[in-house]
Amino acid sequence: MIERLDTSTRMSKIVKHNGVAYLCGQVGEGETVAEQTRECLSRIEALLQKAGSSPEHILQAVIWLADMADFAEMNAVWDAWVPEGHAPARACGEAKLARPALRVEIIVTAAIA
């Protein structure tokens, strides 16, 4: 069974299937990549909770940066957020994001606890 949560015409914020939660890409507000990353991760935590999961259950994260020059700054926030011993498989690349002010977008797949 597939369960879709917070669904609109374009997308669902969460799709659950076979014990896995797929989250739509999350962005954050702020001037710096650190501020945007913190807000993005806070939004991810809220969606994981709604899906019945948590940061400890993240299987994979895909991170898009508007500029790879922000890699170290984003990683400092990410590294402090990921629960010790629970680092997911992860990829990070550079991409043109939906709005010029956006500097980071994170897409997460997690096991449902």
C-alpha atoms as a PDB file:
ATOM      1  CA  MET A   1       0.000   0.000   0.000  1.00  0.00           C
ATOM      2  CA  ILE A   2       1.185   3.510  -0.806  1.00  0.00           C
ATOM      3  CA  GLU A   3       0.220   6.320   1.584  1.00  0.00           C
ATOM      4  CA  ARG A   4       0.612   9.966   0.568  1.00  0.00           C
ATOM      5  CA  LEU A   5       0.589  12.742   3.172  1.00  0.00           C
ATOM      6  CA  ASP A   6       0.181  16.484   2.631  1.00  0.00           C
ATOM      7  CA  THR A   7      -0.644  15.966  -1.036  1.00  0.00           C
ATOM      8  CA  SER A   8      -1.291  18.714  -3.560  1.00  0.00           C
ATOM      9  CA  THR A   9      -1.762  18.625  -7.316  1.00  0.00           C
ATOM     10  CA  ARG A  10       2.016  18.755  -7.859  1.00  0.00           C
ATOM     11  CA  MET A  11       3.458  16.598  -5.088  1.00  0.00           C
ATOM     12  CA  SER A  12       3.175  14.949  -1.706  1.00  0.00           C
ATOM     13  CA  LYS A  13       5.405  16.061   1.157  1.00  0.00           C
ATOM     14  CA  ILE A  14       5.653  12.434   2.351  1.00  0.00           C
ATOM     15  CA  VAL A  15       5.098   9.153   0.520  1.00  0.00           C
ATOM     16  CA  LYS A  16       5.156   5.964   2.615  1.00  0.00           C
ATOM     17  CA  HIS A  17       5.590   2.506   1.083  1.00  0.00           C
ATOM     18  CA  ASN A  18       6.844  -0.826   2.450  1.00  0.00           C
ATOM     19  CA  GLY A  19       8.207   0.666   5.669  1.00  0.00           C
ATOM     20  CA  VAL A  20      10.039   3.527   3.952  1.00  0.00           C
ATOM     21  CA  ALA A  21       9.232   7.248   4.012  1.00  0.00           C
ATOM     22  CA  TYR A  22      10.220   9.375   1.025  1.00  0.00           C
ATOM     23  CA  LEU A  23      10.281  13.115   1.746  1.00  0.00           C
ATOM     24  CA  CYS A  24      10.011  15.866  -0.817  1.00  0.00           C
ATOM     25  CA  GLY A  25      12.983  18.205  -1.066  1.00  0.00           C
ATOM     26  CA  GLN A  26      13.245  20.690   1.787  1.00  0.00           C
ATOM     27  CA  VAL A  27      14.656  24.204   1.705  1.00  0.00           C
ATOM     28  CA  GLY A  28      15.026  26.849   4.376  1.00  0.00           C
ATOM     29  CA  GLU A  29      14.960  30.598   4.755  1.00  0.00           C
ATOM     30  CA  GLY A  30      17.940  32.709   5.789  1.00  0.00           C
ATOM     31  CA  GLU A  31      20.846  34.680   4.399  1.00  0.00           C
ATOM     32  CA  THR A  32      23.574  32.074   4.901  1.00  0.00           C
ATOM     33  CA  VAL A  33      23.798  28.442   3.867  1.00  0.00           C
ATOM     34  CA  ALA A  34      24.148  27.582   7.580  1.00  0.00           C
ATOM     35  CA  GLU A  35      20.844  29.302   8.430  1.00  0.00           C
ATOM     36  CA  GLN A  36      19.090  27.678   5.489  1.00  0.00           C
ATOM     37  CA  THR A  37      20.534  24.253   6.343  1.00  0.00           C
ATOM     38  CA  ARG A  38      19.405  24.499   9.996  1.00  0.00           C
ATOM     39  CA  GLU A  39      15.852  25.405   8.965  1.00  0.00           C
ATOM     40  CA  CYS A  40      15.843  22.733   6.271  1.00  0.00           C
ATOM     41  CA  LEU A  41      16.876  20.072   8.810  1.00  0.00           C
ATOM     42  CA  SER A  42      14.233  21.296  11.255  1.00  0.00           C
ATOM     43  CA  ARG A  43      11.590  20.852   8.546  1.00  0.00           C
ATOM     44  CA  ILE A  44      12.946  17.384   7.774  1.00  0.00           C
ATOM     45  CA  GLU A  45      12.688  16.410  11.459  1.00  0.00           C
ATOM     46  CA  ALA A  46       9.047  17.532  11.550  1.00  0.00           C
ATOM     47  CA  LEU A  47       8.211  15.533   8.405  1.00  0.00           C
ATOM     48  CA  LEU A  48      10.061  12.469   9.709  1.00  0.00           C
ATOM     49  CA  GLN A  49       8.068  12.629  12.938  1.00  0.00           C
ATOM     50  CA  LYS A  50       4.822  12.911  10.966  1.00  0.00           C
ATOM     51  CA  ALA A  51       5.896   9.877   8.911  1.00  0.00           C
ATOM     52  CA  GLY A  52       6.676   7.837  12.037  1.00  0.00           C
ATOM     53  CA  SER A  53      10.436   8.072  11.643  1.00  0.00           C
ATOM     54  CA  SER A  54      13.392  10.078  12.977  1.00  0.00           C
ATOM     55  CA  PRO A  55      16.893  11.275  12.020  1.00  0.00           C
ATOM     56  CA  GLU A  56      18.282   7.984  13.389  1.00  0.00           C
ATOM     57  CA  HIS A  57      16.336   6.134  10.679  1.00  0.00           C
ATOM     58  CA  ILE A  58      17.471   8.137   7.630  1.00  0.00           C
ATOM     59  CA  LEU A  59      18.677   5.758   4.939  1.00  0.00           C
ATOM     60  CA  GLN A  60      19.783   8.267   2.310  1.00  0.00           C
ATOM     61  CA  ALA A  61      20.154  12.012   1.879  1.00  0.00           C
ATOM     62  CA  VAL A  62      20.687  13.901  -1.366  1.00  0.00           C
ATOM     63  CA  ILE A  63      21.890  17.463  -0.897  1.00  0.00           C
ATOM     64  CA  TRP A  64      21.889  20.103  -3.599  1.00  0.00           C
ATOM     65  CA  LEU A  65      23.918  23.279  -3.130  1.00  0.00           C
ATOM     66  CA  ALA A  66      23.585  26.329  -5.356  1.00  0.00           C
ATOM     67  CA  ASP A  67      27.360  26.724  -5.019  1.00  0.00           C
ATOM     68  CA  MET A  68      29.826  24.026  -3.930  1.00  0.00           C
ATOM     69  CA  ALA A  69      31.803  26.797  -2.227  1.00  0.00           C
ATOM     70  CA  ASP A  70      29.187  26.412   0.557  1.00  0.00           C
ATOM     71  CA  PHE A  71      30.062  22.721   1.085  1.00  0.00           C
ATOM     72  CA  ALA A  72      32.083  23.171   4.311  1.00  0.00           C
ATOM     73  CA  GLU A  73      29.548  25.569   5.874  1.00  0.00           C
ATOM     74  CA  MET A  74      26.654  23.218   5.113  1.00  0.00           C
ATOM     75  CA  ASN A  75      28.630  20.218   6.381  1.00  0.00           C
ATOM     76  CA  ALA A  76      29.321  21.918   9.728  1.00  0.00           C
ATOM     77  CA  VAL A  77      25.558  22.167  10.347  1.00  0.00           C
ATOM     78  CA  TRP A  78      24.843  18.696   8.908  1.00  0.00           C
ATOM     79  CA  ASP A  79      27.588  17.003  10.976  1.00  0.00           C
ATOM     80  CA  ALA A  80      26.263  18.552  14.205  1.00  0.00           C
ATOM     81  CA  TRP A  81      22.709  17.432  13.367  1.00  0.00           C
ATOM     82  CA  VAL A  82      23.232  13.794  12.291  1.00  0.00           C
ATOM     83  CA  PRO A  83      22.942  11.495  15.326  1.00  0.00           C
ATOM     84  CA  GLU A  84      26.286   9.879  16.123  1.00  0.00           C
ATOM     85  CA  GLY A  85      26.548   6.429  14.598  1.00  0.00           C
ATOM     86  CA  HIS A  86      23.561   7.015  12.292  1.00  0.00           C
ATOM     87  CA  ALA A  87      25.106   8.717   9.252  1.00  0.00           C
ATOM     88  CA  PRO A  88      23.039   7.854   6.148  1.00  0.00           C
ATOM     89  CA  ALA A  89      24.254   7.176   2.645  1.00  0.00           C
ATOM     90  CA  ARG A  90      24.667  10.662   1.196  1.00  0.00           C
ATOM     91  CA  ALA A  91      25.369  12.527  -2.011  1.00  0.00           C
ATOM     92  CA  CYS A  92      25.972  16.236  -2.486  1.00  0.00           C
ATOM     93  CA  GLY A  93      26.150  18.171  -5.711  1.00  0.00           C
ATOM     94  CA  GLU A  94      25.729  21.595  -7.204  1.00  0.00           C
ATOM     95  CA  ALA A  95      22.485  22.559  -8.941  1.00  0.00           C
ATOM     96  CA  LYS A  96      20.471  25.601  -9.923  1.00  0.00           C
ATOM     97  CA  LEU A  97      17.713  25.677  -7.300  1.00  0.00           C
ATOM     98  CA  ALA A  98      14.090  26.825  -7.718  1.00  0.00           C
ATOM     99  CA  ARG A  99      14.685  30.408  -6.530  1.00  0.00           C
ATOM    100  CA  PRO A 100      17.874  32.510  -6.627  1.00  0.00           C
ATOM    101  CA  ALA A 101      17.818  33.078  -2.838  1.00  0.00           C
ATOM    102  CA  LEU A 102      17.932  29.330  -2.122  1.00  0.00           C
ATOM    103  CA  ARG A 103      21.367  27.939  -1.315  1.00  0.00           C
ATOM    104  CA  VAL A 104      20.570  24.369  -0.204  1.00  0.00           C
ATOM    105  CA  GLU A 105      17.916  21.693  -0.735  1.00  0.00           C
ATOM    106  CA  ILE A 106      17.886  18.319   1.009  1.00  0.00           C
ATOM    107  CA  ILE A 107      15.947  15.206  -0.024  1.00  0.00           C
ATOM    108  CA  VAL A 108      15.638  12.375   2.516  1.00  0.00           C
ATOM    109  CA  THR A 109      14.541   8.733   2.459  1.00  0.00           C
ATOM    110  CA  ALA A 110      14.059   7.066   5.855  1.00  0.00           C
ATOM    111  CA  ALA A 111      12.942   3.797   7.376  1.00  0.00           C
ATOM    112  CA  ILE A 112       9.713   4.074   9.326  1.00  0.00           C
ATOM    113  CA  ALA A 113      10.487   3.339  12.974  1.00  0.00           C
END
